[in-house]
Amino acid sequence: MTEDAGLGVEVFPIGSDTAILAVRGELDISTAPVLHHRLAEQVAHGRHHLLLDVTEMPFMDSSGLSVVVRTVNEVRDVGGTLSLSGARPVVRRLLDLTGVGLTCPLYDSVDDARRALAGEPGEPGDTAAAVRHEEAVTR
């Protein structure tokens, strides 16, 4: 895991076009460039389906939100997706209040997100499976 400016980001490639980025620490004006750089690296390596595991990210401000929105747009331009998993209540509230959850799927766990990215069916009522189905229908 690399750690710059108090933010740790560990990358777990899954196949040639997908990666999970585990984020640890607060995402704010001083750390947002670190995350954006790591995300851009993955896109440059051909990984266009990205999952941010923010389970260990207790706080995100508008600078972090900007990185998420910018990355959603960047990966969409190359046919990719950005998803988040494990958002704590304070982070989830920011994402919900700003409507980011409408353009960037939010999952309770990495397992839910991985199933959705792989197109695997989930359990009845599984939000990851529902989101994957809704995305497929709207395309």
N, C-alpha and C. Protein backbone atom coordinates (compact mmCIF):
# COMPACT_ATOMS: atom_id res chain seq x y z
N MET A 1 0.85 -1.17 0.00
CA MET A 1 0.00 0.00 0.00
C MET A 1 0.89 1.23 0.00
N THR A 2 0.60 2.14 -0.90
CA THR A 2 1.32 3.41 -0.86
C THR A 2 0.56 4.36 0.02
N GLU A 3 1.29 5.20 0.72
CA GLU A 3 0.65 6.16 1.60
C GLU A 3 1.31 7.51 1.40
N ASP A 4 0.53 8.44 0.87
CA ASP A 4 0.99 9.80 0.63
C ASP A 4 0.03 10.75 1.29
N ALA A 5 0.56 11.77 1.93
CA ALA A 5 -0.26 12.84 2.53
C ALA A 5 -1.33 12.29 3.47
N GLY A 6 -1.06 11.15 4.12
CA GLY A 6 -2.02 10.61 5.08
C GLY A 6 -3.11 9.75 4.47
N LEU A 7 -3.02 9.48 3.17
CA LEU A 7 -4.01 8.63 2.53
C LEU A 7 -3.32 7.40 1.98
N GLY A 8 -3.82 6.24 2.34
CA GLY A 8 -3.28 5.00 1.81
C GLY A 8 -4.18 4.46 0.73
N VAL A 9 -3.58 4.00 -0.37
CA VAL A 9 -4.35 3.41 -1.47
C VAL A 9 -3.65 2.13 -1.90
N GLU A 10 -4.34 1.02 -1.74
CA GLU A 10 -3.80 -0.27 -2.17
C GLU A 10 -4.60 -0.76 -3.37
N VAL A 11 -3.91 -1.17 -4.41
CA VAL A 11 -4.55 -1.58 -5.66
C VAL A 11 -4.52 -3.10 -5.79
N PHE A 12 -5.68 -3.66 -6.12
CA PHE A 12 -5.82 -5.09 -6.35
C PHE A 12 -6.39 -5.30 -7.75
N PRO A 13 -5.53 -5.53 -8.75
CA PRO A 13 -6.04 -5.77 -10.11
C PRO A 13 -6.83 -7.08 -10.16
N ILE A 14 -7.91 -7.05 -10.91
CA ILE A 14 -8.73 -8.24 -11.14
C ILE A 14 -8.88 -8.36 -12.65
N GLY A 15 -8.13 -9.23 -13.23
CA GLY A 15 -8.15 -9.34 -14.68
C GLY A 15 -7.48 -8.14 -15.32
N SER A 16 -7.71 -8.01 -16.61
CA SER A 16 -7.02 -6.95 -17.35
C SER A 16 -7.74 -5.63 -17.32
N ASP A 17 -9.05 -5.62 -16.99
CA ASP A 17 -9.78 -4.37 -17.09
C ASP A 17 -10.45 -3.90 -15.81
N THR A 18 -10.17 -4.56 -14.69
CA THR A 18 -10.84 -4.24 -13.43
C THR A 18 -9.83 -4.16 -12.29
N ALA A 19 -10.08 -3.24 -11.36
CA ALA A 19 -9.22 -3.13 -10.17
C ALA A 19 -10.05 -2.64 -8.98
N ILE A 20 -9.68 -3.14 -7.83
CA ILE A 20 -10.22 -2.64 -6.56
C ILE A 20 -9.14 -1.76 -5.95
N LEU A 21 -9.52 -0.57 -5.52
CA LEU A 21 -8.60 0.32 -4.83
C LEU A 21 -9.12 0.49 -3.41
N ALA A 22 -8.38 -0.03 -2.44
CA ALA A 22 -8.75 0.09 -1.04
C ALA A 22 -8.16 1.40 -0.51
N VAL A 23 -9.03 2.27 -0.04
CA VAL A 23 -8.63 3.60 0.41
C VAL A 23 -8.66 3.63 1.94
N ARG A 24 -7.57 4.13 2.53
CA ARG A 24 -7.48 4.22 3.99
C ARG A 24 -7.08 5.63 4.37
N GLY A 25 -7.90 6.27 5.19
CA GLY A 25 -7.61 7.62 5.65
C GLY A 25 -8.66 8.60 5.16
N GLU A 26 -8.48 9.86 5.53
CA GLU A 26 -9.44 10.89 5.16
C GLU A 26 -9.16 11.41 3.75
N LEU A 27 -10.24 11.57 2.99
CA LEU A 27 -10.14 12.09 1.63
C LEU A 27 -10.58 13.55 1.66
N ASP A 28 -9.59 14.43 1.59
CA ASP A 28 -9.87 15.86 1.67
C ASP A 28 -8.98 16.62 0.68
N ILE A 29 -8.93 17.92 0.81
CA ILE A 29 -8.20 18.74 -0.15
C ILE A 29 -6.72 18.37 -0.25
N SER A 30 -6.14 17.90 0.84
CA SER A 30 -4.72 17.57 0.80
C SER A 30 -4.45 16.17 0.26
N THR A 31 -5.45 15.28 0.31
CA THR A 31 -5.22 13.90 -0.13
C THR A 31 -5.94 13.56 -1.44
N ALA A 32 -6.86 14.37 -1.87
CA ALA A 32 -7.62 14.10 -3.11
C ALA A 32 -6.71 13.90 -4.32
N PRO A 33 -5.65 14.72 -4.50
CA PRO A 33 -4.78 14.50 -5.66
C PRO A 33 -4.10 13.12 -5.65
N VAL A 34 -3.83 12.59 -4.48
CA VAL A 34 -3.21 11.26 -4.37
C VAL A 34 -4.16 10.21 -4.95
N LEU A 35 -5.42 10.25 -4.53
CA LEU A 35 -6.39 9.28 -5.03
C LEU A 35 -6.61 9.46 -6.52
N HIS A 36 -6.74 10.69 -6.97
CA HIS A 36 -6.97 10.91 -8.40
C HIS A 36 -5.81 10.36 -9.23
N HIS A 37 -4.59 10.55 -8.76
CA HIS A 37 -3.42 10.02 -9.47
C HIS A 37 -3.48 8.50 -9.55
N ARG A 38 -3.82 7.85 -8.44
CA ARG A 38 -3.87 6.37 -8.42
C ARG A 38 -4.98 5.85 -9.34
N LEU A 39 -6.11 6.54 -9.36
CA LEU A 39 -7.20 6.15 -10.25
C LEU A 39 -6.79 6.33 -11.71
N ALA A 40 -6.16 7.45 -12.01
CA ALA A 40 -5.71 7.73 -13.39
C ALA A 40 -4.69 6.69 -13.85
N GLU A 41 -3.83 6.24 -12.94
CA GLU A 41 -2.86 5.18 -13.27
C GLU A 41 -3.57 3.91 -13.74
N GLN A 42 -4.64 3.57 -13.03
CA GLN A 42 -5.37 2.35 -13.37
C GLN A 42 -6.02 2.47 -14.74
N VAL A 43 -6.61 3.62 -15.02
CA VAL A 43 -7.23 3.84 -16.32
C VAL A 43 -6.17 3.79 -17.42
N ALA A 44 -5.01 4.36 -17.17
CA ALA A 44 -3.92 4.34 -18.15
C ALA A 44 -3.43 2.92 -18.42
N HIS A 45 -3.57 2.04 -17.42
CA HIS A 45 -3.17 0.63 -17.58
C HIS A 45 -4.29 -0.21 -18.18
N GLY A 46 -5.36 0.42 -18.62
CA GLY A 46 -6.45 -0.30 -19.27
C GLY A 46 -7.50 -0.85 -18.33
N ARG A 47 -7.42 -0.49 -17.07
CA ARG A 47 -8.43 -0.95 -16.11
C ARG A 47 -9.52 0.12 -16.05
N HIS A 48 -10.62 -0.17 -16.73
CA HIS A 48 -11.68 0.82 -16.86
C HIS A 48 -12.86 0.57 -15.94
N HIS A 49 -12.83 -0.54 -15.22
CA HIS A 49 -13.87 -0.83 -14.23
C HIS A 49 -13.20 -0.80 -12.86
N LEU A 50 -13.51 0.25 -12.12
CA LEU A 50 -12.83 0.49 -10.85
C LEU A 50 -13.81 0.44 -9.70
N LEU A 51 -13.36 -0.15 -8.61
CA LEU A 51 -14.14 -0.21 -7.38
C LEU A 51 -13.32 0.42 -6.27
N LEU A 52 -13.88 1.45 -5.66
CA LEU A 52 -13.23 2.05 -4.50
C LEU A 52 -13.81 1.42 -3.24
N ASP A 53 -12.97 0.71 -2.51
CA ASP A 53 -13.36 0.16 -1.21
C ASP A 53 -13.02 1.23 -0.18
N VAL A 54 -14.05 1.91 0.31
CA VAL A 54 -13.84 3.04 1.23
C VAL A 54 -14.20 2.67 2.67
N THR A 55 -14.15 1.39 2.97
CA THR A 55 -14.48 0.91 4.31
C THR A 55 -13.63 1.60 5.38
N GLU A 56 -12.36 1.86 5.07
CA GLU A 56 -11.45 2.48 6.04
C GLU A 56 -11.24 3.97 5.76
N MET A 57 -12.23 4.61 5.14
CA MET A 57 -12.16 6.04 4.87
C MET A 57 -13.25 6.72 5.69
N PRO A 58 -12.89 7.31 6.84
CA PRO A 58 -13.89 7.85 7.73
C PRO A 58 -14.48 9.20 7.31
N PHE A 59 -13.86 9.88 6.35
CA PHE A 59 -14.30 11.23 6.01
C PHE A 59 -13.98 11.55 4.55
N MET A 60 -14.87 12.29 3.91
CA MET A 60 -14.63 12.79 2.56
C MET A 60 -15.25 14.17 2.46
N ASP A 61 -14.47 15.13 1.95
CA ASP A 61 -15.02 16.47 1.74
C ASP A 61 -15.31 16.69 0.26
N SER A 62 -15.61 17.92 -0.12
CA SER A 62 -15.98 18.22 -1.50
C SER A 62 -14.84 17.96 -2.48
N SER A 63 -13.61 18.05 -2.03
CA SER A 63 -12.47 17.74 -2.90
C SER A 63 -12.46 16.26 -3.26
N GLY A 64 -12.74 15.42 -2.30
CA GLY A 64 -12.83 13.99 -2.55
C GLY A 64 -14.02 13.67 -3.43
N LEU A 65 -15.12 14.34 -3.18
CA LEU A 65 -16.31 14.15 -4.01
C LEU A 65 -16.00 14.54 -5.46
N SER A 66 -15.25 15.59 -5.65
CA SER A 66 -14.85 16.02 -6.99
C SER A 66 -14.03 14.95 -7.70
N VAL A 67 -13.13 14.28 -6.98
CA VAL A 67 -12.33 13.20 -7.57
C VAL A 67 -13.24 12.07 -8.03
N VAL A 68 -14.22 11.73 -7.23
CA VAL A 68 -15.15 10.65 -7.58
C VAL A 68 -15.92 11.02 -8.84
N VAL A 69 -16.49 12.22 -8.88
CA VAL A 69 -17.27 12.66 -10.03
C VAL A 69 -16.40 12.73 -11.29
N ARG A 70 -15.22 13.29 -11.16
CA ARG A 70 -14.30 13.40 -12.30
C ARG A 70 -13.94 12.00 -12.83
N THR A 71 -13.68 11.08 -11.92
CA THR A 71 -13.30 9.73 -12.34
C THR A 71 -14.48 9.00 -12.99
N VAL A 72 -15.69 9.19 -12.47
CA VAL A 72 -16.87 8.60 -13.10
C VAL A 72 -16.93 9.04 -14.56
N ASN A 73 -16.73 10.32 -14.81
CA ASN A 73 -16.78 10.84 -16.18
C ASN A 73 -15.63 10.31 -17.03
N GLU A 74 -14.44 10.22 -16.46
CA GLU A 74 -13.29 9.73 -17.21
C GLU A 74 -13.45 8.27 -17.62
N VAL A 75 -13.93 7.42 -16.71
CA VAL A 75 -14.08 6.01 -17.06
C VAL A 75 -15.26 5.80 -17.99
N ARG A 76 -16.28 6.59 -17.87
CA ARG A 76 -17.41 6.49 -18.81
C ARG A 76 -16.96 6.79 -20.23
N ASP A 77 -16.05 7.74 -20.37
CA ASP A 77 -15.54 8.10 -21.70
C ASP A 77 -14.85 6.93 -22.39
N VAL A 78 -14.37 5.97 -21.61
CA VAL A 78 -13.69 4.80 -22.19
C VAL A 78 -14.51 3.52 -21.99
N GLY A 79 -15.81 3.69 -21.72
CA GLY A 79 -16.69 2.54 -21.57
C GLY A 79 -16.59 1.83 -20.24
N GLY A 80 -16.09 2.52 -19.22
CA GLY A 80 -15.89 1.89 -17.92
C GLY A 80 -16.89 2.32 -16.88
N THR A 81 -16.63 1.89 -15.64
CA THR A 81 -17.50 2.19 -14.51
C THR A 81 -16.65 2.47 -13.27
N LEU A 82 -17.23 3.24 -12.37
CA LEU A 82 -16.65 3.45 -11.04
C LEU A 82 -17.74 3.14 -10.03
N SER A 83 -17.42 2.30 -9.05
CA SER A 83 -18.34 1.94 -7.99
C SER A 83 -17.65 2.16 -6.65
N LEU A 84 -18.43 2.31 -5.60
CA LEU A 84 -17.89 2.44 -4.26
C LEU A 84 -18.51 1.38 -3.37
N SER A 85 -17.73 0.89 -2.42
CA SER A 85 -18.27 -0.05 -1.44
C SER A 85 -17.81 0.31 -0.04
N GLY A 86 -18.68 -0.03 0.91
CA GLY A 86 -18.31 0.12 2.32
C GLY A 86 -18.32 1.53 2.85
N ALA A 87 -19.06 2.44 2.23
CA ALA A 87 -19.07 3.83 2.70
C ALA A 87 -19.67 3.92 4.09
N ARG A 88 -18.97 4.61 4.97
CA ARG A 88 -19.47 4.86 6.32
C ARG A 88 -20.63 5.85 6.23
N PRO A 89 -21.45 5.92 7.27
CA PRO A 89 -22.64 6.79 7.21
C PRO A 89 -22.35 8.24 6.82
N VAL A 90 -21.28 8.83 7.33
CA VAL A 90 -21.01 10.23 7.02
C VAL A 90 -20.63 10.40 5.54
N VAL A 91 -19.88 9.45 4.99
CA VAL A 91 -19.50 9.48 3.57
C VAL A 91 -20.72 9.17 2.72
N ARG A 92 -21.49 8.18 3.10
CA ARG A 92 -22.69 7.80 2.35
C ARG A 92 -23.68 8.97 2.29
N ARG A 93 -23.79 9.68 3.38
CA ARG A 93 -24.72 10.84 3.42
C ARG A 93 -24.30 11.89 2.40
N LEU A 94 -23.00 12.18 2.32
CA LEU A 94 -22.50 13.15 1.35
C LEU A 94 -22.80 12.68 -0.07
N LEU A 95 -22.57 11.41 -0.34
CA LEU A 95 -22.83 10.85 -1.67
C LEU A 95 -24.31 10.90 -2.01
N ASP A 96 -25.15 10.61 -1.03
CA ASP A 96 -26.60 10.63 -1.25
C ASP A 96 -27.11 12.06 -1.43
N LEU A 97 -26.66 12.98 -0.59
CA LEU A 97 -27.12 14.37 -0.66
C LEU A 97 -26.75 15.05 -1.98
N THR A 98 -25.62 14.67 -2.53
CA THR A 98 -25.15 15.29 -3.76
C THR A 98 -25.62 14.56 -5.01
N GLY A 99 -26.26 13.43 -4.85
CA GLY A 99 -26.76 12.68 -5.98
C GLY A 99 -25.72 11.82 -6.68
N VAL A 100 -24.52 11.74 -6.12
CA VAL A 100 -23.47 10.94 -6.74
C VAL A 100 -23.86 9.47 -6.81
N GLY A 101 -24.63 9.02 -5.85
CA GLY A 101 -25.08 7.64 -5.84
C GLY A 101 -25.94 7.28 -7.05
N LEU A 102 -26.47 8.27 -7.73
CA LEU A 102 -27.27 8.01 -8.93
C LEU A 102 -26.40 7.69 -10.13
N THR A 103 -25.16 8.18 -10.13
CA THR A 103 -24.26 7.94 -11.28
C THR A 103 -23.13 6.98 -10.95
N CYS A 104 -22.94 6.71 -9.69
CA CYS A 104 -21.86 5.85 -9.23
C CYS A 104 -22.46 4.84 -8.25
N PRO A 105 -22.60 3.58 -8.66
CA PRO A 105 -23.23 2.60 -7.78
C PRO A 105 -22.52 2.49 -6.42
N LEU A 106 -23.32 2.40 -5.37
CA LEU A 106 -22.81 2.27 -4.01
C LEU A 106 -23.23 0.90 -3.48
N TYR A 107 -22.26 0.16 -2.98
CA TYR A 107 -22.52 -1.18 -2.47
C TYR A 107 -22.14 -1.25 -1.01
N ASP A 108 -22.82 -2.15 -0.30
CA ASP A 108 -22.52 -2.32 1.12
C ASP A 108 -21.18 -2.99 1.35
N SER A 109 -20.80 -3.88 0.45
CA SER A 109 -19.55 -4.62 0.64
C SER A 109 -18.82 -4.81 -0.68
N VAL A 110 -17.56 -5.15 -0.58
CA VAL A 110 -16.75 -5.45 -1.76
C VAL A 110 -17.32 -6.67 -2.47
N ASP A 111 -17.79 -7.66 -1.71
CA ASP A 111 -18.36 -8.86 -2.33
C ASP A 111 -19.57 -8.52 -3.18
N ASP A 112 -20.46 -7.66 -2.68
CA ASP A 112 -21.61 -7.24 -3.47
C ASP A 112 -21.16 -6.56 -4.77
N ALA A 113 -20.19 -5.69 -4.66
CA ALA A 113 -19.70 -4.96 -5.84
C ALA A 113 -19.03 -5.90 -6.83
N ARG A 114 -18.24 -6.83 -6.35
CA ARG A 114 -17.57 -7.79 -7.24
C ARG A 114 -18.57 -8.65 -7.98
N ARG A 115 -19.62 -9.09 -7.28
CA ARG A 115 -20.66 -9.88 -7.96
C ARG A 115 -21.32 -9.05 -9.06
N ALA A 116 -21.59 -7.79 -8.76
CA ALA A 116 -22.23 -6.93 -9.75
C ALA A 116 -21.30 -6.70 -10.94
N LEU A 117 -20.03 -6.44 -10.69
CA LEU A 117 -19.08 -6.23 -11.79
C LEU A 117 -18.94 -7.47 -12.66
N ALA A 118 -19.04 -8.64 -12.04
CA ALA A 118 -18.90 -9.89 -12.77
C ALA A 118 -20.21 -10.31 -13.43
N GLY A 119 -21.30 -9.59 -13.11
CA GLY A 119 -22.59 -9.95 -13.68
C GLY A 119 -23.21 -11.17 -13.05
N GLU A 120 -22.73 -11.53 -11.89
CA GLU A 120 -23.25 -12.72 -11.20
C GLU A 120 -24.53 -12.36 -10.45
N PRO A 121 -25.47 -13.29 -10.43
CA PRO A 121 -26.71 -13.02 -9.68
C PRO A 121 -26.43 -12.99 -8.19
N GLY A 122 -27.16 -12.18 -7.50
CA GLY A 122 -27.03 -12.12 -6.05
C GLY A 122 -28.19 -12.81 -5.38
N GLU A 123 -28.25 -12.68 -4.10
CA GLU A 123 -29.37 -13.23 -3.34
C GLU A 123 -30.60 -12.38 -3.61
N PRO A 124 -31.79 -12.93 -3.40
CA PRO A 124 -33.00 -12.12 -3.56
C PRO A 124 -32.91 -10.86 -2.71
N GLY A 125 -33.21 -9.73 -3.32
CA GLY A 125 -33.14 -8.46 -2.60
C GLY A 125 -31.74 -7.88 -2.54
N ASP A 126 -30.77 -8.53 -3.14
CA ASP A 126 -29.39 -8.06 -3.14
C ASP A 126 -29.28 -6.78 -3.96
N THR A 127 -28.86 -5.71 -3.35
CA THR A 127 -28.80 -4.43 -4.05
C THR A 127 -27.79 -4.46 -5.19
N ALA A 128 -26.72 -5.21 -5.05
CA ALA A 128 -25.72 -5.28 -6.12
C ALA A 128 -26.32 -5.90 -7.37
N ALA A 129 -27.06 -6.97 -7.22
CA ALA A 129 -27.68 -7.61 -8.37
C ALA A 129 -28.73 -6.70 -8.99
N ALA A 130 -29.46 -6.00 -8.16
CA ALA A 130 -30.49 -5.09 -8.68
C ALA A 130 -29.86 -3.96 -9.48
N VAL A 131 -28.78 -3.40 -8.98
CA VAL A 131 -28.10 -2.32 -9.69
C VAL A 131 -27.55 -2.83 -11.01
N ARG A 132 -26.93 -4.00 -11.02
CA ARG A 132 -26.37 -4.57 -12.25
C ARG A 132 -27.48 -4.79 -13.27
N HIS A 133 -28.63 -5.31 -12.83
CA HIS A 133 -29.73 -5.54 -13.73
C HIS A 133 -30.25 -4.21 -14.28
N GLU A 134 -30.39 -3.22 -13.43
CA GLU A 134 -30.89 -1.91 -13.86
C GLU A 134 -29.94 -1.28 -14.88
N GLU A 135 -28.62 -1.41 -14.67
CA GLU A 135 -27.65 -0.87 -15.62
C GLU A 135 -27.76 -1.57 -16.97
N ALA A 136 -27.96 -2.88 -16.96
CA ALA A 136 -28.07 -3.64 -18.19
C ALA A 136 -29.33 -3.25 -18.96
N VAL A 137 -30.41 -3.00 -18.26
CA VAL A 137 -31.68 -2.64 -18.88
C VAL A 137 -31.61 -1.25 -19.50
N THR A 138 -30.90 -0.32 -18.85
CA THR A 138 -30.85 1.06 -19.34
C THR A 138 -29.83 1.28 -20.44
N ARG A 139 -29.00 0.30 -20.72
CA ARG A 139 -28.00 0.47 -21.78
C ARG A 139 -28.57 0.26 -23.14
